[in-house]
Amino acid sequence: MPDLMLESDRAPAGELIVTSPYDGRELDRVPTAGPDHVEDALSVAYELFRDRSRWLTVPERIEILGKAAALMESQVEDLTLLAASEGGKPYQDSRIEVIRAIDGVHLCIETLRGHAGSVIPLGTTTATSGRSAFTQKEPIGVVVAVSAFNHPLNLIVHQVGPAVATGCPVVVKPAADTPLSCLRFVQILHEAGLPKAWCQVIATDDRDTAEKLVTDSRVGFFSFIGSARVGWMLRSKLSPGARCALEHGGAAPVILAAPYDLEAVLPSVLKGGFYHAGQVCVSVQRVFVPDADAAGFANDLAKLASGLVVGPPEEVATEVGPLIRTAEVDRVAEWVDEAIAAGATLLCGGNKISDTCYEPTVLLNPPPDSKVSTLEIFGPVVCVYGYEDVDAAVTQANALPVAFQAAVYSKDIDIALRLYKSLDASAVMINDHSAFRDDVMPFAGLRESGLGVGGIPYTMEDMQIDKMLVIRS
């Protein structure tokens, strides 16, 4: 059993049994924290932040992060299997996640080296003559990070890495389904020389304890990745002065606009739709295709989807793994059945493989008001819609209260750019699927999809203040 990574001598409040989402086997047991543990963690973190003599210097932070990256590089296989076993993402994709996470730690270092303040243009008026001013970066305060299950290592790196880099004490609450990768990453940071008080892990015993952690007045910045319902609720309860960034989900639209290269589009949409069994907040969900091509495209996509290997996430050959919980399999099945009953054409899938896995599924023309058309599926389901007029497709794509990333496939640059301007999205991929992401990119949900901008350099900016010095001489 991993230690509860807190600066506290209290006995655990309870125990969290971590199981494989594929076969239910027990992976480990993690001690849980109650309200007293939260108080201890925040007291330690806040006292650390208030005592500037204990702040880590930039060279110290760079050294710690560099050693952490080296430790991760020596443990790629173990980290891959750990993430795959607890999160269910297939081995090959989990390995890519680990490599990304290592690169993310290096990106924290690179950003920190070049992350500077600015010169303020004083001396341009009579009132400011004889004065000069500039800003420098300082940590914003205690960071509380609440994370999601679907990228159990890389999401933690995105939240904890910037906090360490910017010199913020951080308390992180991993998803209850996937705490092991978080615990291992924080252990690596401690092994790399980060004092334990600078990064503590809390697996809370219940929602009230989690809410107590987030809404405390000592929290300077709240980083949240998860459902919109929980994120907006917690934001409404933050203490005055606390800043936050929220990353929720979407129902990513993809538009095919002639002329396009069908042979290139199909494998791209396949990957974007069924990667991690669709459990990605920018996963391809709604694909709009000209009427003349819609049925043919959907059938070709269904043939490819039917050939995907569904199985244990630890096996190299597996392409689609389980959903995170059996209740999610039931929900996806209900939504698909509802869409079919309302008139959608089922081209492949549509069935539970087991209590933990659902067949890769392609639906043609589900009703615009069905759940699969209006809500985030977060499962291995892709919907294809025929359109007569591309502007009507854009209208349907933009009709939801969520907006995140989108994609356009077209060989006509003028059409592609027009659709880029027309789509409600923070990012539009041209001739690539909507789930493409590099950790240096900004990552921002719009409307109900989130608040603020993710991506390591942008998170580091959020976790710092610009402190100005004005000199009169």
Protein backbone atom coordinates (compact mmCIF):
# COMPACT_ATOMS: atom_id res chain seq x y z
CA MET A 1 0.00 0.00 0.00
CA PRO A 2 1.44 3.44 -0.94
CA ASP A 3 1.91 5.92 1.87
CA LEU A 4 -0.53 8.80 2.21
CA MET A 5 1.81 11.54 1.00
CA LEU A 6 0.97 14.14 3.63
CA GLU A 7 2.93 16.06 6.23
CA SER A 8 0.69 14.52 8.88
CA ASP A 9 1.11 11.84 11.53
CA ARG A 10 -2.60 11.09 11.72
CA ALA A 11 -3.92 7.62 11.00
CA PRO A 12 -5.74 7.31 7.65
CA ALA A 13 -9.45 8.00 7.60
CA GLY A 14 -10.07 4.85 5.62
CA GLU A 15 -8.93 2.89 2.60
CA LEU A 16 -9.49 3.15 -1.14
CA ILE A 17 -9.32 -0.12 -3.06
CA VAL A 18 -7.96 0.51 -6.56
CA THR A 19 -9.11 -2.04 -9.13
CA SER A 20 -8.53 -2.73 -12.81
CA PRO A 21 -11.34 -1.27 -14.93
CA TYR A 22 -10.93 -4.23 -17.29
CA ASP A 23 -11.26 -7.27 -15.03
CA GLY A 24 -11.87 -5.84 -11.58
CA ARG A 25 -8.76 -7.33 -9.99
CA GLU A 26 -7.34 -5.44 -7.03
CA LEU A 27 -4.27 -3.39 -7.94
CA ASP A 28 -3.50 -1.71 -4.63
CA ARG A 29 -5.01 -0.02 -1.60
CA VAL A 30 -4.58 3.67 -0.87
CA PRO A 31 -5.21 5.27 2.53
CA THR A 32 -7.77 8.05 2.48
CA ALA A 33 -7.80 11.45 4.14
CA GLY A 34 -10.51 13.07 6.22
CA PRO A 35 -11.17 16.69 7.24
CA ASP A 36 -8.33 16.68 9.80
CA HIS A 37 -5.86 15.58 7.14
CA VAL A 38 -7.06 18.41 4.91
CA GLU A 39 -6.46 20.89 7.70
CA ASP A 40 -2.97 19.50 8.28
CA ALA A 41 -2.09 19.61 4.58
CA LEU A 42 -3.31 23.15 4.04
CA SER A 43 -1.66 24.40 7.23
CA VAL A 44 1.68 22.97 6.16
CA ALA A 45 1.36 24.30 2.60
CA TYR A 46 0.21 27.76 3.65
CA GLU A 47 2.89 28.17 6.32
CA LEU A 48 5.46 27.15 3.74
CA PHE A 49 4.19 29.76 1.29
CA ARG A 50 4.08 32.51 3.91
CA ASP A 51 7.72 31.91 4.95
CA ARG A 52 9.72 33.36 2.07
CA SER A 53 12.97 32.14 3.60
CA ARG A 54 11.86 28.59 2.76
CA TRP A 55 10.97 29.26 -0.88
CA LEU A 56 12.85 27.14 -3.39
CA THR A 57 15.08 29.11 -5.73
CA VAL A 58 14.71 28.79 -9.50
CA PRO A 59 17.96 26.76 -9.82
CA GLU A 60 16.71 24.40 -7.09
CA ARG A 61 13.40 23.89 -8.88
CA ILE A 62 15.14 23.29 -12.20
CA GLU A 63 17.44 20.72 -10.60
CA ILE A 64 14.54 18.87 -8.96
CA LEU A 65 12.51 18.76 -12.16
CA GLY A 66 15.51 17.62 -14.16
CA LYS A 67 16.19 14.76 -11.75
CA ALA A 68 12.50 13.84 -11.79
CA ALA A 69 12.50 13.62 -15.59
CA ALA A 70 15.59 11.40 -15.49
CA LEU A 71 13.94 9.10 -12.96
CA MET A 72 10.84 8.87 -15.14
CA GLU A 73 12.97 8.06 -18.18
CA SER A 74 14.44 5.11 -16.27
CA GLN A 75 10.95 3.82 -15.41
CA VAL A 76 9.02 4.17 -18.68
CA GLU A 77 7.88 0.53 -18.76
CA ASP A 78 6.72 0.49 -15.14
CA LEU A 79 4.93 3.82 -15.49
CA THR A 80 3.26 2.61 -18.68
CA LEU A 81 1.92 -0.58 -17.12
CA LEU A 82 0.78 1.29 -14.02
CA ALA A 83 -1.17 3.86 -16.03
CA ALA A 84 -2.65 1.21 -18.33
CA SER A 85 -3.70 -1.10 -15.52
CA GLU A 86 -5.48 1.53 -13.41
CA GLY A 87 -6.85 3.74 -16.21
CA GLY A 88 -7.62 1.20 -18.92
CA LYS A 89 -5.91 3.06 -21.75
CA PRO A 90 -4.18 0.51 -24.00
CA TYR A 91 -0.47 -0.12 -23.55
CA GLN A 92 0.67 1.61 -26.73
CA ASP A 93 -1.28 4.78 -25.93
CA SER A 94 -0.29 4.68 -22.26
CA ARG A 95 3.35 4.50 -23.30
CA ILE A 96 2.86 7.61 -25.45
CA GLU A 97 1.26 9.28 -22.41
CA VAL A 98 4.33 8.50 -20.30
CA ILE A 99 6.67 9.91 -22.95
CA ARG A 100 4.49 13.03 -23.11
CA ALA A 101 4.58 13.34 -19.33
CA ILE A 102 8.37 13.23 -19.34
CA ASP A 103 8.45 15.86 -22.07
CA GLY A 104 6.01 17.90 -19.96
CA VAL A 105 8.46 17.96 -17.06
CA HIS A 106 11.18 19.15 -19.44
CA LEU A 107 8.75 21.78 -20.78
CA CYS A 108 8.27 23.07 -17.22
CA ILE A 109 12.03 23.61 -17.04
CA GLU A 110 12.24 25.27 -20.45
CA THR A 111 9.32 27.57 -19.68
CA LEU A 112 10.74 28.47 -16.29
CA ARG A 113 14.07 29.47 -17.82
CA GLY A 114 12.41 31.91 -20.19
CA HIS A 115 9.49 32.99 -18.03
CA ALA A 116 10.28 36.60 -17.20
CA GLY A 117 8.52 39.78 -16.25
CA SER A 118 8.34 42.89 -18.40
CA VAL A 119 9.48 46.48 -18.52
CA ILE A 120 6.72 49.06 -17.98
CA PRO A 121 7.05 52.13 -20.24
CA LEU A 122 7.26 54.88 -17.63
CA GLY A 123 8.98 58.20 -18.31
CA THR A 124 6.65 59.02 -21.18
CA THR A 125 4.70 61.70 -19.32
CA THR A 126 5.62 64.56 -17.01
CA ALA A 127 4.12 62.71 -14.04
CA THR A 128 6.25 59.61 -14.64
CA SER A 129 9.52 61.30 -15.56
CA GLY A 130 12.46 60.13 -13.51
CA ARG A 131 10.84 56.77 -12.88
CA SER A 132 11.39 53.29 -14.27
CA ALA A 133 9.45 50.11 -13.60
CA PHE A 134 9.54 46.41 -14.30
CA THR A 135 7.77 43.27 -13.13
CA GLN A 136 9.06 39.97 -11.82
CA LYS A 137 7.28 36.66 -11.32
CA GLU A 138 6.25 35.33 -7.92
CA PRO A 139 4.18 32.26 -6.98
CA ILE A 140 0.47 32.92 -6.55
CA GLY A 141 0.10 30.83 -3.40
CA VAL A 142 -1.08 27.37 -2.40
CA VAL A 143 -2.31 25.34 -5.38
CA VAL A 144 -5.01 22.71 -4.98
CA ALA A 145 -5.27 20.42 -7.99
CA VAL A 146 -8.18 18.04 -8.56
CA SER A 147 -7.58 15.69 -11.47
CA ALA A 148 -9.39 13.24 -13.76
CA PHE A 149 -8.91 9.54 -14.54
CA ASN A 150 -8.41 9.49 -18.28
CA HIS A 151 -4.73 10.48 -18.38
CA PRO A 152 -3.63 9.41 -14.88
CA LEU A 153 0.00 10.48 -15.26
CA ASN A 154 0.05 13.28 -17.83
CA LEU A 155 -2.80 15.28 -16.29
CA ILE A 156 -1.02 15.20 -12.94
CA VAL A 157 2.16 16.42 -14.62
CA HIS A 158 0.13 19.26 -16.19
CA GLN A 159 -1.15 20.36 -12.79
CA VAL A 160 1.66 19.52 -10.37
CA GLY A 161 4.64 20.19 -12.66
CA PRO A 162 3.79 23.89 -13.17
CA ALA A 163 3.16 24.32 -9.44
CA VAL A 164 6.59 22.94 -8.60
CA ALA A 165 8.19 24.97 -11.38
CA THR A 166 6.63 28.25 -10.25
CA GLY A 167 7.36 27.64 -6.58
CA CYS A 168 3.81 27.04 -5.35
CA PRO A 169 3.15 24.51 -2.59
CA VAL A 170 0.63 22.06 -4.08
CA VAL A 171 -1.92 19.65 -2.67
CA VAL A 172 -3.20 17.27 -5.32
CA LYS A 173 -6.31 15.08 -5.25
CA PRO A 174 -6.16 12.43 -7.97
CA ALA A 175 -9.24 10.72 -9.36
CA ALA A 176 -10.46 7.98 -7.03
CA ASP A 177 -10.28 5.49 -9.91
CA THR A 178 -6.64 6.25 -10.77
CA PRO A 179 -4.56 7.48 -7.81
CA LEU A 180 -1.54 5.22 -8.31
CA SER A 181 0.17 7.09 -11.16
CA CYS A 182 -0.23 10.34 -9.22
CA LEU A 183 1.28 8.81 -6.09
CA ARG A 184 4.19 7.45 -8.11
CA PHE A 185 4.89 10.79 -9.80
CA VAL A 186 4.86 12.64 -6.49
CA GLN A 187 7.13 9.98 -5.01
CA ILE A 188 9.51 10.59 -7.94
CA LEU A 189 9.48 14.33 -7.20
CA HIS A 190 10.37 13.61 -3.57
CA GLU A 191 13.13 11.22 -4.66
CA ALA A 192 14.41 13.99 -6.93
CA GLY A 193 14.83 16.28 -3.94
CA LEU A 194 11.52 18.10 -3.56
CA PRO A 195 10.76 18.45 0.16
CA LYS A 196 7.57 16.53 0.98
CA ALA A 197 5.75 19.64 2.21
CA TRP A 198 5.93 21.18 -1.26
CA CYS A 199 3.75 18.49 -2.83
CA GLN A 200 1.20 16.49 -0.86
CA VAL A 201 -1.33 13.94 -2.13
CA ILE A 202 -4.82 13.58 -0.70
CA ALA A 203 -7.20 10.78 -1.60
CA THR A 204 -10.30 12.13 0.12
CA ASP A 205 -12.72 9.90 2.00
CA ASP A 206 -15.83 11.66 0.66
CA ARG A 207 -17.07 14.68 -1.33
CA ASP A 208 -17.42 16.89 1.74
CA THR A 209 -13.73 16.44 2.51
CA ALA A 210 -12.84 17.22 -1.10
CA GLU A 211 -14.98 20.36 -1.00
CA LYS A 212 -13.32 21.45 2.25
CA LEU A 213 -9.93 21.13 0.56
CA VAL A 214 -10.92 23.18 -2.48
CA THR A 215 -12.90 25.98 -0.82
CA ASP A 216 -10.51 26.82 2.02
CA SER A 217 -9.47 30.48 2.26
CA ARG A 218 -5.78 29.52 2.11
CA VAL A 219 -6.09 28.26 -1.48
CA GLY A 220 -4.53 30.66 -3.96
CA PHE A 221 -5.21 28.73 -7.17
CA PHE A 222 -7.60 25.89 -7.93
CA SER A 223 -6.85 23.62 -10.90
CA PHE A 224 -9.71 21.32 -11.88
CA ILE A 225 -10.06 18.65 -14.58
CA GLY A 226 -13.35 16.78 -14.58
CA SER A 227 -17.09 17.09 -15.11
CA ALA A 228 -18.73 20.45 -15.74
CA ARG A 229 -21.30 19.84 -13.02
CA VAL A 230 -18.64 19.42 -10.34
CA GLY A 231 -16.26 22.05 -11.70
CA TRP A 232 -18.77 24.90 -11.88
CA MET A 233 -20.19 23.94 -8.48
CA LEU A 234 -16.77 24.10 -6.84
CA ARG A 235 -15.92 27.36 -8.58
CA SER A 236 -19.06 28.92 -7.08
CA LYS A 237 -17.81 28.03 -3.62
CA LEU A 238 -14.21 29.26 -3.90
CA SER A 239 -13.04 31.72 -1.30
CA PRO A 240 -12.75 35.38 -2.36
CA GLY A 241 -9.48 35.98 -4.16
CA ALA A 242 -8.89 32.40 -5.22
CA ARG A 243 -8.11 32.03 -8.92
CA CYS A 244 -9.03 28.93 -10.89
CA ALA A 245 -8.84 27.05 -14.16
CA LEU A 246 -11.52 24.52 -15.12
CA GLU A 247 -11.22 21.89 -17.83
CA HIS A 248 -14.43 20.07 -18.65
CA GLY A 249 -15.63 18.16 -21.68
CA GLY A 250 -17.19 18.72 -25.08
CA ALA A 251 -18.81 16.94 -28.01
CA ALA A 252 -16.23 17.67 -30.66
CA PRO A 253 -17.52 18.39 -34.19
CA VAL A 254 -15.65 17.37 -37.33
CA ILE A 255 -16.64 18.68 -40.77
CA LEU A 256 -15.63 17.10 -44.07
CA ALA A 257 -15.81 19.74 -46.80
CA ALA A 258 -15.10 18.72 -50.39
CA PRO A 259 -12.58 18.22 -51.78
CA TYR A 260 -10.98 15.95 -49.15
CA ASP A 261 -8.71 12.91 -49.15
CA LEU A 262 -10.95 10.09 -47.91
CA GLU A 263 -8.06 7.65 -47.52
CA ALA A 264 -6.34 10.08 -45.16
CA VAL A 265 -9.50 11.15 -43.33
CA LEU A 266 -10.75 7.69 -42.34
CA PRO A 267 -7.81 6.51 -40.20
CA SER A 268 -7.53 9.96 -38.65
CA VAL A 269 -11.20 10.05 -37.60
CA LEU A 270 -10.93 6.43 -36.43
CA LYS A 271 -8.07 7.30 -34.10
CA GLY A 272 -9.67 10.52 -32.87
CA GLY A 273 -12.96 8.79 -32.13
CA PHE A 274 -11.86 5.53 -30.53
CA TYR A 275 -8.61 6.52 -28.82
CA HIS A 276 -8.95 5.50 -25.14
CA ALA A 277 -12.42 4.18 -25.94
CA GLY A 278 -13.57 7.74 -26.59
CA GLN A 279 -12.82 8.83 -23.02
CA VAL A 280 -11.15 12.08 -24.05
CA CYS A 281 -12.69 15.53 -23.63
CA VAL A 282 -11.93 16.46 -27.27
CA SER A 283 -12.63 13.03 -28.76
CA VAL A 284 -14.23 12.96 -32.23
CA GLN A 285 -17.96 12.60 -31.58
CA ARG A 286 -19.98 14.33 -34.32
CA VAL A 287 -18.81 14.00 -37.95
CA PHE A 288 -20.59 16.04 -40.63
CA VAL A 289 -20.24 14.71 -44.18
CA PRO A 290 -21.85 15.84 -47.46
CA ASP A 291 -25.07 13.91 -48.12
CA ALA A 292 -23.67 12.19 -51.20
CA ASP A 293 -20.77 10.71 -49.23
CA ALA A 294 -22.21 10.32 -45.72
CA ALA A 295 -23.44 6.72 -45.93
CA GLY A 296 -20.32 5.52 -47.75
CA PHE A 297 -18.02 7.29 -45.30
CA ALA A 298 -19.92 5.96 -42.29
CA ASN A 299 -19.85 2.39 -43.64
CA ASP A 300 -16.11 2.60 -44.34
CA LEU A 301 -15.52 3.97 -40.84
CA ALA A 302 -17.65 1.16 -39.41
CA LYS A 303 -15.57 -1.47 -41.21
CA LEU A 304 -12.40 -0.04 -39.69
CA ALA A 305 -13.99 0.29 -36.24
CA SER A 306 -15.18 -3.32 -36.35
CA GLY A 307 -11.59 -4.43 -36.84
CA LEU A 308 -10.25 -2.67 -33.75
CA VAL A 309 -8.89 -5.02 -31.10
CA VAL A 310 -10.74 -4.66 -27.80
CA GLY A 311 -9.03 -6.27 -24.85
CA PRO A 312 -6.82 -6.02 -21.78
CA PRO A 313 -5.11 -2.61 -21.66
CA GLU A 314 -1.75 -4.12 -20.66
CA GLU A 315 -1.46 -6.08 -23.92
CA VAL A 316 0.45 -4.50 -26.79
CA ALA A 317 -2.08 -5.62 -29.43
CA THR A 318 -5.06 -3.96 -27.71
CA GLU A 319 -6.40 -0.86 -29.49
CA VAL A 320 -9.51 -0.17 -27.40
CA GLY A 321 -9.71 -0.88 -23.68
CA PRO A 322 -12.46 -0.78 -21.08
CA LEU A 323 -14.53 2.13 -19.89
CA ILE A 324 -13.50 3.33 -16.47
CA ARG A 325 -16.56 1.96 -14.63
CA THR A 326 -19.31 -0.55 -15.37
CA ALA A 327 -21.90 2.19 -14.86
CA GLU A 328 -20.39 4.04 -17.83
CA VAL A 329 -20.80 0.96 -20.03
CA ASP A 330 -24.47 0.84 -19.04
CA ARG A 331 -24.90 4.55 -19.75
CA VAL A 332 -23.31 4.35 -23.21
CA ALA A 333 -25.48 1.35 -24.05
CA GLU A 334 -28.62 3.22 -23.00
CA TRP A 335 -27.73 6.27 -25.08
CA VAL A 336 -27.00 4.19 -28.18
CA ASP A 337 -30.20 2.14 -27.79
CA GLU A 338 -32.18 5.36 -27.39
CA ALA A 339 -30.67 6.84 -30.56
CA ILE A 340 -31.42 3.70 -32.57
CA ALA A 341 -35.00 3.63 -31.32
CA ALA A 342 -35.34 7.27 -32.42
CA GLY A 343 -34.15 6.55 -35.95
CA ALA A 344 -30.34 6.33 -36.01
CA THR A 345 -28.84 3.65 -38.27
CA LEU A 346 -26.46 1.32 -36.45
CA LEU A 347 -23.54 0.42 -38.73
CA CYS A 348 -21.33 -1.44 -36.27
CA GLY A 349 -21.12 -2.18 -32.57
CA GLY A 350 -24.05 -1.28 -30.40
CA ASN A 351 -23.47 -3.99 -27.82
CA LYS A 352 -21.75 -4.58 -24.53
CA ILE A 353 -18.82 -6.95 -24.89
CA SER A 354 -18.78 -7.38 -21.12
CA ASP A 355 -19.60 -5.41 -18.01
CA THR A 356 -16.46 -3.35 -18.65
CA CYS A 357 -16.12 -3.05 -22.44
CA TYR A 358 -18.40 -1.69 -25.17
CA GLU A 359 -18.07 -2.38 -28.87
CA PRO A 360 -16.67 0.42 -31.06
CA THR A 361 -19.86 1.86 -32.52
CA VAL A 362 -20.74 3.99 -35.53
CA LEU A 363 -24.18 5.59 -35.87
CA LEU A 364 -25.51 7.27 -39.02
CA ASN A 365 -27.83 10.26 -38.69
CA PRO A 366 -28.95 10.02 -35.07
CA PRO A 367 -31.62 12.62 -34.24
CA PRO A 368 -30.11 16.06 -33.50
CA ASP A 369 -31.87 16.10 -30.12
CA SER A 370 -30.74 12.64 -28.97
CA LYS A 371 -28.26 12.27 -26.13
CA VAL A 372 -25.52 11.04 -28.48
CA SER A 373 -25.93 14.27 -30.47
CA THR A 374 -26.15 16.73 -27.60
CA LEU A 375 -24.15 15.37 -24.67
CA GLU A 376 -20.57 14.20 -24.32
CA ILE A 377 -20.57 10.46 -24.98
CA PHE A 378 -17.19 9.70 -23.35
CA GLY A 379 -17.36 6.25 -24.87
CA PRO A 380 -16.42 4.42 -28.10
CA VAL A 381 -19.21 5.90 -30.22
CA VAL A 382 -18.89 8.11 -33.32
CA CYS A 383 -21.94 9.75 -34.94
CA VAL A 384 -21.99 10.60 -38.67
CA TYR A 385 -24.47 13.15 -40.06
CA GLY A 386 -25.18 13.91 -43.69
CA TYR A 387 -25.50 17.56 -44.66
CA GLU A 388 -26.78 19.33 -47.75
CA ASP A 389 -25.32 22.74 -46.95
CA VAL A 390 -22.07 23.23 -45.06
CA ASP A 391 -23.38 26.31 -43.27
CA ALA A 392 -26.20 24.18 -41.86
CA ALA A 393 -23.57 21.73 -40.62
CA VAL A 394 -21.75 24.58 -38.90
CA THR A 395 -24.99 25.71 -37.28
CA GLN A 396 -25.59 22.22 -35.92
CA ALA A 397 -21.97 21.92 -34.80
CA ASN A 398 -22.25 25.21 -32.90
CA ALA A 399 -25.67 24.51 -31.37
CA LEU A 400 -24.49 22.98 -28.07
CA PRO A 401 -23.62 24.76 -24.80
CA VAL A 402 -20.17 23.14 -24.91
CA ALA A 403 -17.32 24.20 -27.19
CA PHE A 404 -13.75 22.94 -27.10
CA GLN A 405 -11.71 21.67 -30.06
CA ALA A 406 -13.02 20.96 -33.56
CA ALA A 407 -11.67 19.71 -36.87
CA VAL A 408 -12.07 20.35 -40.60
CA TYR A 409 -10.93 18.08 -43.41
CA SER A 410 -10.59 19.79 -46.79
CA LYS A 411 -8.01 20.18 -49.54
CA ASP A 412 -9.40 23.66 -50.32
CA ILE A 413 -7.59 26.09 -48.04
CA ASP A 414 -10.19 28.82 -48.57
CA ILE A 415 -13.01 26.56 -47.42
CA ALA A 416 -10.93 25.28 -44.51
CA LEU A 417 -10.16 28.78 -43.30
CA ARG A 418 -13.78 29.89 -43.67
CA LEU A 419 -14.90 26.98 -41.50
CA TYR A 420 -12.11 27.72 -39.02
CA LYS A 421 -13.60 31.19 -38.60
CA SER A 422 -17.16 29.89 -38.40
CA LEU A 423 -16.80 27.13 -35.81
CA ASP A 424 -17.26 27.80 -32.10
CA ALA A 425 -14.04 26.33 -30.73
CA SER A 426 -10.86 27.37 -28.99
CA ALA A 427 -8.85 25.35 -31.51
CA VAL A 428 -9.63 24.00 -34.98
CA MET A 429 -7.48 21.27 -36.53
CA ILE A 430 -7.21 21.32 -40.30
CA ASN A 431 -6.81 17.85 -41.84
CA ASP A 432 -6.29 16.30 -38.41
CA HIS A 433 -8.71 14.97 -35.80
CA SER A 434 -10.08 17.09 -32.96
CA ALA A 435 -8.21 15.16 -30.25
CA PHE A 436 -4.77 16.24 -31.48
CA ARG A 437 -2.83 17.97 -28.74
CA ASP A 438 0.72 18.87 -27.84
CA ASP A 439 1.49 19.98 -24.31
CA VAL A 440 2.96 23.29 -25.44
CA MET A 441 -0.38 24.26 -27.01
CA PRO A 442 -3.09 26.28 -25.25
CA PHE A 443 -6.00 24.04 -24.25
CA ALA A 444 -9.21 25.86 -23.41
CA GLY A 445 -12.82 24.84 -23.07
CA LEU A 446 -15.29 27.57 -23.99
CA ARG A 447 -18.77 28.22 -22.59
CA GLU A 448 -19.70 25.26 -20.34
CA SER A 449 -16.56 23.38 -21.42
CA GLY A 450 -14.30 25.24 -19.03
CA LEU A 451 -12.62 28.38 -17.82
CA GLY A 452 -9.09 29.62 -18.40
CA VAL A 453 -6.35 28.12 -20.53
CA GLY A 454 -4.51 24.87 -19.94
CA GLY A 455 -1.22 23.73 -21.41
CA ILE A 456 1.95 23.84 -19.34
CA PRO A 457 3.23 27.34 -20.26
CA TYR A 458 -0.25 28.81 -19.76
CA THR A 459 -0.78 27.04 -16.44
CA MET A 460 2.57 28.34 -15.23
CA GLU A 461 1.44 31.85 -16.13
CA ASP A 462 -1.76 31.34 -14.11
CA MET A 463 0.18 30.12 -11.09
CA GLN A 464 2.27 33.29 -10.85
CA ILE A 465 1.69 36.96 -10.26
CA ASP A 466 3.49 39.89 -11.87
CA LYS A 467 4.98 41.92 -9.04
CA MET A 468 5.98 45.41 -10.10
CA LEU A 469 8.87 47.50 -8.84
CA VAL A 470 8.80 51.27 -9.48
CA ILE A 471 12.04 53.20 -8.96
CA ARG A 472 12.24 56.97 -8.74
CA SER A 473 15.68 58.31 -9.37
